[in-house]
C-alpha atoms as a PDB file:
ATOM      1  CA  UNK A   1      43.257 -71.114  60.370  1.00  0.00           C
ATOM      2  CA  UNK A   2      39.977 -72.609  61.337  1.00  0.00           C
ATOM      3  CA  UNK A   3      38.912 -72.600  64.859  1.00  0.00           C
ATOM      4  CA  UNK A   4      36.376 -75.041  65.920  1.00  0.00           C
ATOM      5  CA  UNK A   5      33.839 -75.243  68.914  1.00  0.00           C
ATOM      6  CA  UNK A   6      35.068 -77.539  71.972  1.00  0.00           C
ATOM      7  CA  UNK A   7      34.043 -75.929  75.109  1.00  0.00           C
ATOM      8  CA  UNK A   8      30.394 -76.706  76.298  1.00  0.00           C
ATOM      9  CA  UNK A   9      29.228 -73.375  76.034  1.00  0.00           C
ATOM     10  CA  UNK A  10      30.483 -73.007  72.291  1.00  0.00           C
ATOM     11  CA  UNK A  11      28.790 -76.861  71.637  1.00  0.00           C
ATOM     12  CA  UNK A  12      25.337 -75.673  72.862  1.00  0.00           C
ATOM     13  CA  UNK A  13      25.842 -72.133  70.709  1.00  0.00           C
ATOM     14  CA  UNK A  14      26.648 -73.946  67.702  1.00  0.00           C
ATOM     15  CA  UNK A  15      23.543 -76.706  68.088  1.00  0.00           C
ATOM     16  CA  UNK A  16      21.191 -73.826  69.008  1.00  0.00           C
ATOM     17  CA  UNK A  17      22.431 -72.291  65.638  1.00  0.00           C
ATOM     18  CA  UNK A  18      22.120 -75.240  63.325  1.00  0.00           C
ATOM     19  CA  UNK A  19      18.750 -76.428  64.329  1.00  0.00           C
ATOM     20  CA  UNK A  20      17.760 -73.638  62.751  1.00  0.00           C
ATOM     21  CA  UNK A  21      20.551 -72.647  60.646  1.00  0.00           C
ATOM     22  CA  UNK A  22      20.967 -69.188  59.957  1.00  0.00           C
ATOM     23  CA  UNK A  23      18.232 -67.896  61.803  1.00  0.00           C
ATOM     24  CA  UNK A  24      14.212 -67.883  61.489  1.00  0.00           C
ATOM     25  CA  UNK A  25      13.581 -65.235  58.358  1.00  0.00           C
ATOM     26  CA  UNK A  26      13.675 -66.282  55.123  1.00  0.00           C
ATOM     27  CA  UNK A  27      13.217 -63.974  51.657  1.00  0.00           C
ATOM     28  CA  UNK A  28      11.526 -65.343  48.867  1.00  0.00           C
ATOM     29  CA  UNK A  29      11.366 -62.632  46.141  1.00  0.00           C
ATOM     30  CA  UNK A  30       9.324 -59.809  47.813  1.00  0.00           C
ATOM     31  CA  UNK A  31       7.859 -62.498  50.531  1.00  0.00           C
ATOM     32  CA  UNK A  32       8.922 -62.305  53.771  1.00  0.00           C
ATOM     33  CA  UNK A  33       8.169 -64.739  56.164  1.00  0.00           C
ATOM     34  CA  UNK A  34       9.564 -64.753  59.930  1.00  0.00           C
ATOM     35  CA  UNK A  35       9.114 -68.253  61.692  1.00  0.00           C
ATOM     36  CA  UNK A  36       7.058 -70.457  59.286  1.00  0.00           C
ATOM     37  CA  UNK A  37       8.570 -72.230  56.478  1.00  0.00           C
ATOM     38  CA  UNK A  38       7.565 -70.808  52.995  1.00  0.00           C
ATOM     39  CA  UNK A  39       5.281 -73.226  50.345  1.00  0.00           C
ATOM     40  CA  UNK A  40       8.414 -74.483  48.612  1.00  0.00           C
ATOM     41  CA  UNK A  41      11.568 -74.946  49.867  1.00  0.00           C
ATOM     42  CA  UNK A  42      14.799 -76.262  48.803  1.00  0.00           C
ATOM     43  CA  UNK A  43      17.053 -78.546  50.672  1.00  0.00           C
ATOM     44  CA  UNK A  44      19.818 -80.685  50.067  1.00  0.00           C
ATOM     45  CA  UNK A  45      20.109 -83.766  51.610  1.00  0.00           C
ATOM     46  CA  UNK A  46      23.053 -85.926  52.142  1.00  0.00           C
ATOM     47  CA  UNK A  47      23.400 -89.569  52.416  1.00  0.00           C
ATOM     48  CA  UNK A  48      25.679 -91.139  55.110  1.00  0.00           C
ATOM     49  CA  UNK A  49      27.960 -91.976  52.144  1.00  0.00           C
ATOM     50  CA  UNK A  50      28.529 -88.559  51.276  1.00  0.00           C
ATOM     51  CA  UNK A  51      26.362 -87.971  48.426  1.00  0.00           C
ATOM     52  CA  UNK A  52      24.182 -85.168  48.053  1.00  0.00           C
ATOM     53  CA  UNK A  53      20.894 -84.344  46.521  1.00  0.00           C
ATOM     54  CA  UNK A  54      18.934 -80.821  46.061  1.00  0.00           C
ATOM     55  CA  UNK A  55      15.647 -81.077  46.075  1.00  0.00           C
ATOM     56  CA  UNK A  56      12.374 -78.994  46.183  1.00  0.00           C
ATOM     57  CA  UNK A  57       9.690 -79.378  49.405  1.00  0.00           C
ATOM     58  CA  UNK A  58       6.157 -78.806  48.521  1.00  0.00           C
ATOM     59  CA  UNK A  59       3.873 -77.775  52.097  1.00  0.00           C
ATOM     60  CA  UNK A  60       2.073 -81.214  51.904  1.00  0.00           C
ATOM     61  CA  UNK A  61       6.000 -82.957  51.640  1.00  0.00           C
ATOM     62  CA  UNK A  62       6.992 -84.891  54.953  1.00  0.00           C
ATOM     63  CA  UNK A  63      10.125 -86.994  55.704  1.00  0.00           C
ATOM     64  CA  UNK A  64       8.089 -90.280  53.729  1.00  0.00           C
ATOM     65  CA  UNK A  65       8.298 -88.329  50.656  1.00  0.00           C
ATOM     66  CA  UNK A  66      11.786 -86.808  51.056  1.00  0.00           C
ATOM     67  CA  UNK A  67      12.833 -90.205  51.230  1.00  0.00           C
ATOM     68  CA  UNK A  68      10.810 -92.075  48.534  1.00  0.00           C
ATOM     69  CA  UNK A  69      12.337 -89.522  46.600  1.00  0.00           C
ATOM     70  CA  UNK A  70      16.073 -90.762  47.377  1.00  0.00           C
ATOM     71  CA  UNK A  71      15.072 -94.302  46.399  1.00  0.00           C
ATOM     72  CA  UNK A  72      14.054 -93.552  43.455  1.00  0.00           C
ATOM     73  CA  UNK A  73      17.311 -91.422  42.419  1.00  0.00           C
ATOM     74  CA  UNK A  74      19.649 -93.663  43.930  1.00  0.00           C
ATOM     75  CA  UNK A  75      18.209 -96.868  43.378  1.00  0.00           C
ATOM     76  CA  UNK A  76      18.878 -98.258  47.142  1.00  0.00           C
ATOM     77  CA  UNK A  77      16.126 -98.374  49.930  1.00  0.00           C
ATOM     78  CA  UNK A  78      15.576 -95.780  52.908  1.00  0.00           C
ATOM     79  CA  UNK A  79      13.043 -97.907  54.573  1.00  0.00           C
ATOM     80  CA  UNK A  80      15.109 -98.228  57.539  1.00  0.00           C
ATOM     81  CA  UNK A  81      16.813 -95.387  57.664  1.00  0.00           C
ATOM     82  CA  UNK A  82      16.235 -91.831  59.600  1.00  0.00           C
ATOM     83  CA  UNK A  83      16.071 -88.580  58.058  1.00  0.00           C
ATOM     84  CA  UNK A  84      17.926 -85.767  60.409  1.00  0.00           C
ATOM     85  CA  UNK A  85      18.012 -81.996  60.783  1.00  0.00           C
ATOM     86  CA  UNK A  86      20.816 -80.821  63.341  1.00  0.00           C
ATOM     87  CA  UNK A  87      19.967 -83.013  65.702  1.00  0.00           C
ATOM     88  CA  UNK A  88      16.568 -83.455  65.562  1.00  0.00           C
ATOM     89  CA  UNK A  89      15.716 -86.319  63.733  1.00  0.00           C
ATOM     90  CA  UNK A  90      12.272 -85.921  61.235  1.00  0.00           C
ATOM     91  CA  UNK A  91       9.668 -88.431  62.174  1.00  0.00           C
ATOM     92  CA  UNK A  92       6.895 -86.778  59.777  1.00  0.00           C
ATOM     93  CA  UNK A  93       6.475 -83.015  59.975  1.00  0.00           C
ATOM     94  CA  UNK A  94       9.159 -80.994  57.932  1.00  0.00           C
ATOM     95  CA  UNK A  95       7.699 -77.602  59.444  1.00  0.00           C
ATOM     96  CA  UNK A  96      11.277 -76.671  60.873  1.00  0.00           C
ATOM     97  CA  UNK A  97      13.269 -76.976  57.961  1.00  0.00           C
ATOM     98  CA  UNK A  98      14.498 -74.075  56.482  1.00  0.00           C
ATOM     99  CA  UNK A  99      15.151 -73.193  53.066  1.00  0.00           C
ATOM    100  CA  UNK A 100      18.508 -74.426  51.837  1.00  0.00           C
ATOM    101  CA  UNK A 101      18.763 -76.414  54.905  1.00  0.00           C
ATOM    102  CA  UNK A 102      21.415 -79.781  55.044  1.00  0.00           C
ATOM    103  CA  UNK A 103      19.441 -82.748  55.982  1.00  0.00           C
ATOM    104  CA  UNK A 104      21.385 -85.816  56.913  1.00  0.00           C
ATOM    105  CA  UNK A 105      20.225 -89.495  55.438  1.00  0.00           C
ATOM    106  CA  UNK A 106      21.171 -92.576  58.153  1.00  0.00           C
ATOM    107  CA  UNK A 107      20.029 -95.576  57.946  1.00  0.00           C
ATOM    108  CA  UNK A 108      19.117 -97.613  61.070  1.00  0.00           C
ATOM    109  CA  UNK A 109      21.172-100.449  61.277  1.00  0.00           C
ATOM    110  CA  UNK A 110      24.498-100.330  59.668  1.00  0.00           C
ATOM    111  CA  UNK A 111      26.343-102.684  58.195  1.00  0.00           C
ATOM    112  CA  UNK A 112      29.577-101.161  56.845  1.00  0.00           C
ATOM    113  CA  UNK A 113      30.984-104.029  54.392  1.00  0.00           C
ATOM    114  CA  UNK A 114      28.157-103.128  52.177  1.00  0.00           C
ATOM    115  CA  UNK A 115      28.071 -99.700  52.232  1.00  0.00           C
ATOM    116  CA  UNK A 116      26.844 -97.482  48.959  1.00  0.00           C
ATOM    117  CA  UNK A 117      28.809 -95.661  47.514  1.00  0.00           C
ATOM    118  CA  UNK A 118      27.912 -91.807  46.601  1.00  0.00           C
ATOM    119  CA  UNK A 119      26.074 -93.097  42.953  1.00  0.00           C
ATOM    120  CA  UNK A 120      25.080 -90.415  40.409  1.00  0.00           C
ATOM    121  CA  UNK A 121      21.539 -89.649  40.410  1.00  0.00           C
ATOM    122  CA  UNK A 122      19.073 -91.684  38.080  1.00  0.00           C
ATOM    123  CA  UNK A 123      15.485 -90.393  39.019  1.00  0.00           C
ATOM    124  CA  UNK A 124      14.999 -87.841  36.459  1.00  0.00           C
ATOM    125  CA  UNK A 125      12.665 -86.211  38.494  1.00  0.00           C
ATOM    126  CA  UNK A 126      15.446 -85.883  41.437  1.00  0.00           C
ATOM    127  CA  UNK A 127      17.954 -84.232  38.083  1.00  0.00           C
ATOM    128  CA  UNK A 128      15.551 -81.500  36.662  1.00  0.00           C
ATOM    129  CA  UNK A 129      14.752 -80.484  40.286  1.00  0.00           C
ATOM    130  CA  UNK A 130      18.217 -80.097  41.310  1.00  0.00           C
ATOM    131  CA  UNK A 131      18.752 -76.606  39.348  1.00  0.00           C
ATOM    132  CA  UNK A 132      22.100 -75.315  41.576  1.00  0.00           C
ATOM    133  CA  UNK A 133      24.669 -73.967  40.029  1.00  0.00           C
ATOM    134  CA  UNK A 134      28.700 -75.368  40.603  1.00  0.00           C
ATOM    135  CA  UNK A 135      29.050 -73.615  44.243  1.00  0.00           C
ATOM    136  CA  UNK A 136      25.736 -72.886  46.047  1.00  0.00           C
ATOM    137  CA  UNK A 137      25.677 -71.019  49.520  1.00  0.00           C
ATOM    138  CA  UNK A 138      23.759 -72.893  51.732  1.00  0.00           C
ATOM    139  CA  UNK A 139      21.444 -70.296  54.335  1.00  0.00           C
ATOM    140  CA  UNK A 140      21.048 -66.650  53.653  1.00  0.00           C
ATOM    141  CA  UNK A 141      23.085 -64.035  56.505  1.00  0.00           C
ATOM    142  CA  UNK A 142      24.183 -61.002  56.181  1.00  0.00           C
ATOM    143  CA  UNK A 143      27.426 -62.434  56.916  1.00  0.00           C
ATOM    144  CA  UNK A 144      28.337 -63.434  53.541  1.00  0.00           C
ATOM    145  CA  UNK A 145      28.652 -61.298  51.538  1.00  0.00           C
ATOM    146  CA  UNK A 146      32.338 -61.770  51.485  1.00  0.00           C
ATOM    147  CA  UNK A 147      31.810 -65.289  50.964  1.00  0.00           C
ATOM    148  CA  UNK A 148      29.582 -64.547  47.501  1.00  0.00           C
ATOM    149  CA  UNK A 149      32.418 -62.441  46.568  1.00  0.00           C
ATOM    150  CA  UNK A 150      34.773 -65.045  46.480  1.00  0.00           C
ATOM    151  CA  UNK A 151      32.154 -67.777  44.987  1.00  0.00           C
ATOM    152  CA  UNK A 152      31.820 -65.446  41.719  1.00  0.00           C
ATOM    153  CA  UNK A 153      35.591 -65.208  41.548  1.00  0.00           C
ATOM    154  CA  UNK A 154      36.031 -68.790  41.787  1.00  0.00           C
ATOM    155  CA  UNK A 155      33.257 -70.221  39.624  1.00  0.00           C
ATOM    156  CA  UNK A 156      34.387 -67.179  36.725  1.00  0.00           C
ATOM    157  CA  UNK A 157      38.221 -69.230  37.433  1.00  0.00           C
ATOM    158  CA  UNK A 158      36.391 -72.881  37.219  1.00  0.00           C
ATOM    159  CA  UNK A 159      34.704 -71.850  33.870  1.00  0.00           C
ATOM    160  CA  UNK A 160      38.041 -70.970  32.599  1.00  0.00           C
ATOM    161  CA  UNK A 161      39.338 -73.994  33.030  1.00  0.00           C
ATOM    162  CA  UNK A 162      41.234 -73.379  36.489  1.00  0.00           C
ATOM    163  CA  UNK A 163      41.209 -76.130  38.800  1.00  0.00           C
ATOM    164  CA  UNK A 164      40.956 -76.986  42.527  1.00  0.00           C
ATOM    165  CA  UNK A 165      44.294 -78.167  43.721  1.00  0.00           C
ATOM    166  CA  UNK A 166      44.699 -80.857  46.741  1.00  0.00           C
ATOM    167  CA  UNK A 167      46.017 -80.034  50.426  1.00  0.00           C
ATOM    168  CA  UNK A 168      48.520 -82.724  50.978  1.00  0.00           C
ATOM    169  CA  UNK A 169      48.868 -81.950  54.913  1.00  0.00           C
ATOM    170  CA  UNK A 170      46.180 -83.247  57.650  1.00  0.00           C
ATOM    171  CA  UNK A 171      44.085 -86.061  58.049  1.00  0.00           C
ATOM    172  CA  UNK A 172      41.142 -84.979  56.434  1.00  0.00           C
ATOM    173  CA  UNK A 173      40.380 -83.823  52.452  1.00  0.00           C
ATOM    174  CA  UNK A 174      40.762 -80.076  51.116  1.00  0.00           C
ATOM    175  CA  UNK A 175      40.916 -78.213  48.703  1.00  0.00           C
ATOM    176  CA  UNK A 176      42.420 -74.992  47.456  1.00  0.00           C
ATOM    177  CA  UNK A 177      40.046 -73.504  44.763  1.00  0.00           C
ATOM    178  CA  UNK A 178      41.596 -70.614  42.603  1.00  0.00           C
ATOM    179  CA  UNK A 179      40.597 -67.163  40.749  1.00  0.00           C
ATOM    180  CA  UNK A 180      41.695 -66.789  37.191  1.00  0.00           C
ATOM    181  CA  UNK A 181      45.234 -65.811  38.542  1.00  0.00           C
ATOM    182  CA  UNK A 182      46.334 -68.791  39.711  1.00  0.00           C
ATOM    183  CA  UNK A 183      45.688 -67.532  43.252  1.00  0.00           C
ATOM    184  CA  UNK A 184      44.495 -69.622  45.794  1.00  0.00           C
ATOM    185  CA  UNK A 185      41.088 -67.910  47.246  1.00  0.00           C
ATOM    186  CA  UNK A 186      39.853 -70.068  49.479  1.00  0.00           C
ATOM    187  CA  UNK A 187      39.814 -73.769  51.069  1.00  0.00           C
ATOM    188  CA  UNK A 188      37.254 -76.054  50.211  1.00  0.00           C
ATOM    189  CA  UNK A 189      36.416 -79.365  53.091  1.00  0.00           C
ATOM    190  CA  UNK A 190      34.059 -81.640  52.286  1.00  0.00           C
ATOM    191  CA  UNK A 191      32.310 -83.333  54.854  1.00  0.00           C
ATOM    192  CA  UNK A 192      32.344 -86.481  53.967  1.00  0.00           C
ATOM    193  CA  UNK A 193      35.588 -86.394  53.491  1.00  0.00           C
ATOM    194  CA  UNK A 194      36.791 -85.909  56.955  1.00  0.00           C
ATOM    195  CA  UNK A 195      38.903 -87.881  59.191  1.00  0.00           C
ATOM    196  CA  UNK A 196      36.411 -91.292  59.970  1.00  0.00           C
ATOM    197  CA  UNK A 197      34.226 -90.158  56.778  1.00  0.00           C
ATOM    198  CA  UNK A 198      33.707 -92.722  54.070  1.00  0.00           C
ATOM    199  CA  UNK A 199      35.356 -90.677  51.339  1.00  0.00           C
ATOM    200  CA  UNK A 200      38.360 -89.741  53.247  1.00  0.00           C
ATOM    201  CA  UNK A 201      40.825 -89.373  50.337  1.00  0.00           C
ATOM    202  CA  UNK A 202      43.589 -90.870  52.966  1.00  0.00           C
ATOM    203  CA  UNK A 203      42.045 -93.625  54.069  1.00  0.00           C
ATOM    204  CA  UNK A 204      41.170 -92.796  57.503  1.00  0.00           C
ATOM    205  CA  UNK A 205      38.012 -94.108  57.351  1.00  0.00           C
ATOM    206  CA  UNK A 206      35.611 -96.519  58.879  1.00  0.00           C
ATOM    207  CA  UNK A 207      32.621 -95.110  59.841  1.00  0.00           C
ATOM    208  CA  UNK A 208      29.870 -93.058  58.570  1.00  0.00           C
ATOM    209  CA  UNK A 209      28.310 -89.644  58.435  1.00  0.00           C
ATOM    210  CA  UNK A 210      26.940 -89.039  61.738  1.00  0.00           C
ATOM    211  CA  UNK A 211      28.288 -91.335  63.644  1.00  0.00           C
ATOM    212  CA  UNK A 212      31.419 -90.257  66.760  1.00  0.00           C
ATOM    213  CA  UNK A 213      34.205 -88.911  65.242  1.00  0.00           C
ATOM    214  CA  UNK A 214      37.803 -88.266  67.056  1.00  0.00           C
ATOM    215  CA  UNK A 215      35.876 -86.700  69.768  1.00  0.00           C
ATOM    216  CA  UNK A 216      33.039 -88.314  71.010  1.00  0.00           C
ATOM    217  CA  UNK A 217      31.261 -84.897  71.053  1.00  0.00           C
ATOM    218  CA  UNK A 218      31.817 -84.004  67.642  1.00  0.00           C
ATOM    219  CA  UNK A 219      30.255 -86.434  65.249  1.00  0.00           C
ATOM    220  CA  UNK A 220      31.737 -87.242  61.601  1.00  0.00           C
ATOM    221  CA  UNK A 221      31.078 -84.803  59.216  1.00  0.00           C
ATOM    222  CA  UNK A 222      30.206 -82.409  61.734  1.00  0.00           C
ATOM    223  CA  UNK A 223      33.545 -80.054  61.907  1.00  0.00           C
ATOM    224  CA  UNK A 224      32.309 -78.033  58.700  1.00  0.00           C
ATOM    225  CA  UNK A 225      29.224 -76.766  60.747  1.00  0.00           C
ATOM    226  CA  UNK A 226      31.270 -75.902  63.697  1.00  0.00           C
ATOM    227  CA  UNK A 227      33.456 -74.231  61.789  1.00  0.00           C
ATOM    228  CA  UNK A 228      30.720 -72.134  60.079  1.00  0.00           C
ATOM    229  CA  UNK A 229      28.952 -71.444  63.386  1.00  0.00           C
ATOM    230  CA  UNK A 230      32.211 -70.703  64.939  1.00  0.00           C
ATOM    231  CA  UNK A 231      32.793 -67.455  62.529  1.00  0.00           C
ATOM    232  CA  UNK A 232      28.760 -66.520  63.045  1.00  0.00           C
ATOM    233  CA  UNK A 233      29.223 -66.675  66.666  1.00  0.00           C
ATOM    234  CA  UNK A 234      32.617 -64.074  66.283  1.00  0.00           C
ATOM    235  CA  UNK A 235      30.620 -61.644  65.393  1.00  0.00           C
ATOM    236  CA  UNK A 236      33.156 -58.634  66.724  1.00  0.00           C
ATOM    237  CA  UNK A 237      36.400 -60.665  64.868  1.00  0.00           C
ATOM    238  CA  UNK A 238      37.579 -60.746  68.404  1.00  0.00           C
ATOM    239  CA  UNK A 239      39.251 -64.492  67.265  1.00  0.00           C
ATOM    240  CA  UNK A 240      39.769 -63.318  63.495  1.00  0.00           C
ATOM    241  CA  UNK A 241      37.510 -66.142  61.826  1.00  0.00           C
ATOM    242  CA  UNK A 242      37.845 -66.102  58.392  1.00  0.00           C
ATOM    243  CA  UNK A 243      34.695 -65.928  56.667  1.00  0.00           C
ATOM    244  CA  UNK A 244      33.377 -69.306  56.560  1.00  0.00           C
ATOM    245  CA  UNK A 245      29.762 -70.685  54.724  1.00  0.00           C
ATOM    246  CA  UNK A 246      28.322 -73.885  54.246  1.00  0.00           C
ATOM    247  CA  UNK A 247      28.097 -74.348  50.566  1.00  0.00           C
ATOM    248  CA  UNK A 248      27.176 -77.320  48.175  1.00  0.00           C
ATOM    249  CA  UNK A 249      29.739 -77.579  45.743  1.00  0.00           C
ATOM    250  CA  UNK A 250      29.983 -79.825  42.810  1.00  0.00           C
ATOM    251  CA  UNK A 251      33.161 -80.699  41.026  1.00  0.00           C
ATOM    252  CA  UNK A 252      35.516 -83.329  39.757  1.00  0.00           C
ATOM    253  CA  UNK A 253      38.181 -83.098  41.968  1.00  0.00           C
ATOM    254  CA  UNK A 254      37.035 -84.504  45.175  1.00  0.00           C
ATOM    255  CA  UNK A 255      37.387 -88.268  46.365  1.00  0.00           C
ATOM    256  CA  UNK A 256      34.881 -90.785  46.249  1.00  0.00           C
ATOM    257  CA  UNK A 257      35.856 -94.018  47.746  1.00  0.00           C
ATOM    258  CA  UNK A 258      34.242 -97.762  47.360  1.00  0.00           C
ATOM    259  CA  UNK A 259      32.366 -97.942  50.268  1.00  0.00           C
ATOM    260  CA  UNK A 260      32.903 -97.126  53.919  1.00  0.00           C
ATOM    261  CA  UNK A 261      35.819 -98.326  53.971  1.00  0.00           C
ATOM    262  CA  UNK A 262      37.947 -96.755  51.997  1.00  0.00           C
ATOM    263  CA  UNK A 263      38.734 -99.296  48.714  1.00  0.00           C
ATOM    264  CA  UNK A 264      39.382 -97.871  45.497  1.00  0.00           C
ATOM    265  CA  UNK A 265      38.706 -94.814  44.602  1.00  0.00           C
ATOM    266  CA  UNK A 266      36.102 -94.780  41.852  1.00  0.00           C
ATOM    267  CA  UNK A 267      37.065 -92.652  38.246  1.00  0.00           C
ATOM    268  CA  UNK A 268      37.085 -89.329  38.450  1.00  0.00           C
ATOM    269  CA  UNK A 269      33.666 -87.711  37.729  1.00  0.00           C
ATOM    270  CA  UNK A 270      31.460 -84.531  38.412  1.00  0.00           C
ATOM    271  CA  UNK A 271      30.097 -85.249  42.256  1.00  0.00           C
ATOM    272  CA  UNK A 272      28.168 -83.087  44.491  1.00  0.00           C
ATOM    273  CA  UNK A 273      28.770 -82.687  48.142  1.00  0.00           C
ATOM    274  CA  UNK A 274      28.549 -80.070  50.853  1.00  0.00           C
ATOM    275  CA  UNK A 275      31.454 -78.874  52.484  1.00  0.00           C
ATOM    276  CA  UNK A 276      32.719 -75.833  54.520  1.00  0.00           C
ATOM    277  CA  UNK A 277      33.826 -72.733  52.182  1.00  0.00           C
ATOM    278  CA  UNK A 278      36.137 -70.172  54.141  1.00  0.00           C
ATOM    279  CA  UNK A 279      38.618 -67.598  52.919  1.00  0.00           C
ATOM    280  CA  UNK A 280      42.032 -68.342  52.269  1.00  0.00           C
ATOM    281  CA  UNK A 281      44.251 -66.577  54.528  1.00  0.00           C
ATOM    282  CA  UNK A 282      47.875 -66.551  52.979  1.00  0.00           C
ATOM    283  CA  UNK A 283      50.820 -67.007  55.657  1.00  0.00           C
ATOM    284  CA  UNK A 284      53.885 -64.711  55.144  1.00  0.00           C
END
C-alpha cells in the first residue's frame, strides 16, 4: 500500500526534495561533483501527453536546444511551450538540472481536441542518444539497493517472455511486473496513466500532465513523485512504505490513447514511460 503526501508539511518537503531530486551529489566514474552539475548529464523529458525521450545535455545546452531536439524527434512545434523541472520553469539556464532528472514539456496554450498522442521518436540524434535499458532508475540513492535487485530479476524475466499483468482495480493504470517464476515483484504506475491523465486506460481522462488533478494541490502526473518522496522520507520505516523509485520503463503493455480525451487506444507497441516502481507486498 503506497502513501501519498497530503499534509502541508509533507508536501513542502516533497517539493523541496524533487526540486533537487535525490540529493545534490553526482557520481560519474571516479569523478565526484558536489553542488555543481557535471559537464554531461542525462535527462528524461516527458511531454504533456506522456511520451518520454532520453537525451544527454552538454554544458552549453539550454532550454531552447532541448525543445529544438524534441521538435525534431516528435515532429511537432515546441515554441509555445514551457520546460519545467519540478516547480521550476526553465527559461534558459539548465544548471539546476541534475543527472537522470525528469523534465516536463507543457504547452502554454492547451488545445485538448487536437492533443498530440505519444509518438515514436523520429530524430536519429535522439534515438542514438537514448541508450537506456528496459527499466532505468532515475536518480541515485543508497535507498534504491532493494529496487535495483528487483529490476534485475524483472528484466531477466522480461527477456524470458514473462509479461506484466494489468491491475484492473483502481482509477489509474497499474501493472504487476513479475520474476521468471511468474511471481509479482513490483507494481508499476505510469505517471501519464493516473486519474485525469491523457493515457489513463480506464477513460478517466480530460487533462494534460501538470494540470490540477483529483485534488487541486496535486497535479496530474505527480502522484508517483510523491510516492517516491514518501519512501525516501520514511528513513526509519515508521510508516512501512515499500521500496519505491522513479523509473523510465519501456514495454508494449502500457496504454496510449489517441489524444487527451482518451479515444481509440493505439495499437500496442514498445513505449517508454516515467513511472513509480514499488515493491509488491502480498497481502496474507
